[in-house]
Amino acid sequence: MNPLLVVIAVVFAAAAVITVWRIIVGPSILDRAVASDVLLTEVMCVLGADMALNHHTRTLPVLLIIAAVGVFGTISIARFVARRDR
């Protein structure tokens, strides 16, 4: 295995662990929402790196679905918090 791939995997794994920790411990729902967006972005980066390294585009529809879920999730959480603050 290429040493660069090992470094990339370790960095992504460390970022995922830190992000999941923020989702679990986050003091507010907004902290958890931001952490979940970061985790979705991280998954998208991993899939994009896999596509670039293996020269394929099979996971492109998955990337689009993850992006849509992230956007709609963020909008729904923002609307929920805005209604709760009134």
C-alpha atoms as a PDB file:
ATOM      1  CA  MET A   1       0.000   0.000   0.000  1.00  0.00           C
ATOM      2  CA  ASN A   2       1.179   3.456  -0.865  1.00  0.00           C
ATOM      3  CA  PRO A   3       2.397   5.458   2.178  1.00  0.00           C
ATOM      4  CA  LEU A   4       0.388   8.440   0.971  1.00  0.00           C
ATOM      5  CA  LEU A   5      -2.805   6.371   1.173  1.00  0.00           C
ATOM      6  CA  VAL A   6      -1.972   5.413   4.740  1.00  0.00           C
ATOM      7  CA  VAL A   7      -1.482   9.057   5.709  1.00  0.00           C
ATOM      8  CA  ILE A   8      -4.748  10.035   4.014  1.00  0.00           C
ATOM      9  CA  ALA A   9      -6.617   7.227   5.783  1.00  0.00           C
ATOM     10  CA  VAL A  10      -5.190   8.181   9.176  1.00  0.00           C
ATOM     11  CA  VAL A  11      -6.085  11.857   8.734  1.00  0.00           C
ATOM     12  CA  PHE A  12      -9.644  11.065   7.635  1.00  0.00           C
ATOM     13  CA  ALA A  13     -10.085   8.566  10.471  1.00  0.00           C
ATOM     14  CA  ALA A  14      -8.845  11.041  13.081  1.00  0.00           C
ATOM     15  CA  ALA A  15     -11.147  13.748  11.719  1.00  0.00           C
ATOM     16  CA  ALA A  16     -14.092  11.331  11.771  1.00  0.00           C
ATOM     17  CA  VAL A  17     -13.441  10.358  15.388  1.00  0.00           C
ATOM     18  CA  ILE A  18     -13.218  13.994  16.464  1.00  0.00           C
ATOM     19  CA  THR A  19     -16.400  14.835  14.551  1.00  0.00           C
ATOM     20  CA  VAL A  20     -18.351  11.927  16.031  1.00  0.00           C
ATOM     21  CA  TRP A  21     -17.158  13.024  19.464  1.00  0.00           C
ATOM     22  CA  ARG A  22     -18.579  16.506  18.812  1.00  0.00           C
ATOM     23  CA  ILE A  23     -21.880  14.979  17.678  1.00  0.00           C
ATOM     24  CA  ILE A  24     -22.127  12.977  20.903  1.00  0.00           C
ATOM     25  CA  VAL A  25     -20.897  15.621  23.360  1.00  0.00           C
ATOM     26  CA  GLY A  26     -21.973  18.824  21.588  1.00  0.00           C
ATOM     27  CA  PRO A  27     -23.588  21.186  24.080  1.00  0.00           C
ATOM     28  CA  SER A  28     -26.286  22.404  21.698  1.00  0.00           C
ATOM     29  CA  ILE A  29     -28.236  21.139  18.736  1.00  0.00           C
ATOM     30  CA  LEU A  30     -26.456  23.624  16.487  1.00  0.00           C
ATOM     31  CA  ASP A  31     -23.054  22.193  17.450  1.00  0.00           C
ATOM     32  CA  ARG A  32     -24.343  18.738  16.593  1.00  0.00           C
ATOM     33  CA  ALA A  33     -25.752  19.987  13.289  1.00  0.00           C
ATOM     34  CA  VAL A  34     -22.443  21.549  12.279  1.00  0.00           C
ATOM     35  CA  ALA A  35     -20.602  18.369  13.262  1.00  0.00           C
ATOM     36  CA  SER A  36     -22.971  16.238  11.211  1.00  0.00           C
ATOM     37  CA  ASP A  37     -22.388  18.507   8.214  1.00  0.00           C
ATOM     38  CA  VAL A  38     -18.650  18.132   8.715  1.00  0.00           C
ATOM     39  CA  LEU A  39     -19.022  14.345   8.885  1.00  0.00           C
ATOM     40  CA  LEU A  40     -21.052  14.282   5.667  1.00  0.00           C
ATOM     41  CA  THR A  41     -18.455  16.477   3.976  1.00  0.00           C
ATOM     42  CA  GLU A  42     -15.739  14.167   5.197  1.00  0.00           C
ATOM     43  CA  VAL A  43     -17.520  11.138   3.758  1.00  0.00           C
ATOM     44  CA  MET A  44     -17.828  13.001   0.476  1.00  0.00           C
ATOM     45  CA  CYS A  45     -14.095  13.758   0.518  1.00  0.00           C
ATOM     46  CA  VAL A  46     -13.264  10.108   1.160  1.00  0.00           C
ATOM     47  CA  LEU A  47     -15.471   9.012  -1.728  1.00  0.00           C
ATOM     48  CA  GLY A  48     -13.960  11.688  -3.962  1.00  0.00           C
ATOM     49  CA  ALA A  49     -10.443  10.613  -3.032  1.00  0.00           C
ATOM     50  CA  ASP A  50     -11.379   7.008  -3.809  1.00  0.00           C
ATOM     51  CA  MET A  51     -12.703   8.075  -7.198  1.00  0.00           C
ATOM     52  CA  ALA A  52      -9.538  10.037  -7.970  1.00  0.00           C
ATOM     53  CA  LEU A  53      -7.143   7.324  -6.841  1.00  0.00           C
ATOM     54  CA  ASN A  54      -8.932   4.436  -8.552  1.00  0.00           C
ATOM     55  CA  HIS A  55      -9.903   6.364 -11.713  1.00  0.00           C
ATOM     56  CA  HIS A  56     -13.649   5.695 -11.662  1.00  0.00           C
ATOM     57  CA  THR A  57     -16.902   7.614 -11.334  1.00  0.00           C
ATOM     58  CA  ARG A  58     -19.171   4.898  -9.953  1.00  0.00           C
ATOM     59  CA  THR A  59     -19.766   6.694  -6.657  1.00  0.00           C
ATOM     60  CA  LEU A  60     -20.726  10.036  -8.185  1.00  0.00           C
ATOM     61  CA  PRO A  61     -24.491   9.473  -7.652  1.00  0.00           C
ATOM     62  CA  VAL A  62     -23.764   8.660  -4.010  1.00  0.00           C
ATOM     63  CA  LEU A  63     -21.881  11.947  -3.666  1.00  0.00           C
ATOM     64  CA  LEU A  64     -24.847  13.849  -5.069  1.00  0.00           C
ATOM     65  CA  ILE A  65     -27.296  12.138  -2.708  1.00  0.00           C
ATOM     66  CA  ILE A  66     -25.069  12.807   0.315  1.00  0.00           C
ATOM     67  CA  ALA A  67     -24.801  16.479  -0.682  1.00  0.00           C
ATOM     68  CA  ALA A  68     -28.589  16.770  -1.007  1.00  0.00           C
ATOM     69  CA  VAL A  69     -29.160  15.086   2.365  1.00  0.00           C
ATOM     70  CA  GLY A  70     -26.671  17.455   3.980  1.00  0.00           C
ATOM     71  CA  VAL A  71     -28.315  20.562   2.544  1.00  0.00           C
ATOM     72  CA  PHE A  72     -31.859  19.489   3.395  1.00  0.00           C
ATOM     73  CA  GLY A  73     -30.815  18.376   6.876  1.00  0.00           C
ATOM     74  CA  THR A  74     -29.160  21.700   7.590  1.00  0.00           C
ATOM     75  CA  ILE A  75     -32.196  23.629   6.369  1.00  0.00           C
ATOM     76  CA  SER A  76     -34.593  21.562   8.469  1.00  0.00           C
ATOM     77  CA  ILE A  77     -32.482  21.943  11.619  1.00  0.00           C
ATOM     78  CA  ALA A  78     -32.208  25.702  11.061  1.00  0.00           C
ATOM     79  CA  ARG A  79     -35.983  25.979  10.689  1.00  0.00           C
ATOM     80  CA  PHE A  80     -36.522  23.892  13.816  1.00  0.00           C
ATOM     81  CA  VAL A  81     -34.185  26.079  15.871  1.00  0.00           C
ATOM     82  CA  ALA A  82     -35.717  29.274  14.463  1.00  0.00           C
ATOM     83  CA  ARG A  83     -39.229  28.140  15.487  1.00  0.00           C
ATOM     84  CA  ARG A  84     -38.042  27.080  18.927  1.00  0.00           C
ATOM     85  CA  ASP A  85     -36.412  30.456  19.605  1.00  0.00           C
ATOM     86  CA  ARG A  86     -39.605  32.430  18.961  1.00  0.00           C
END
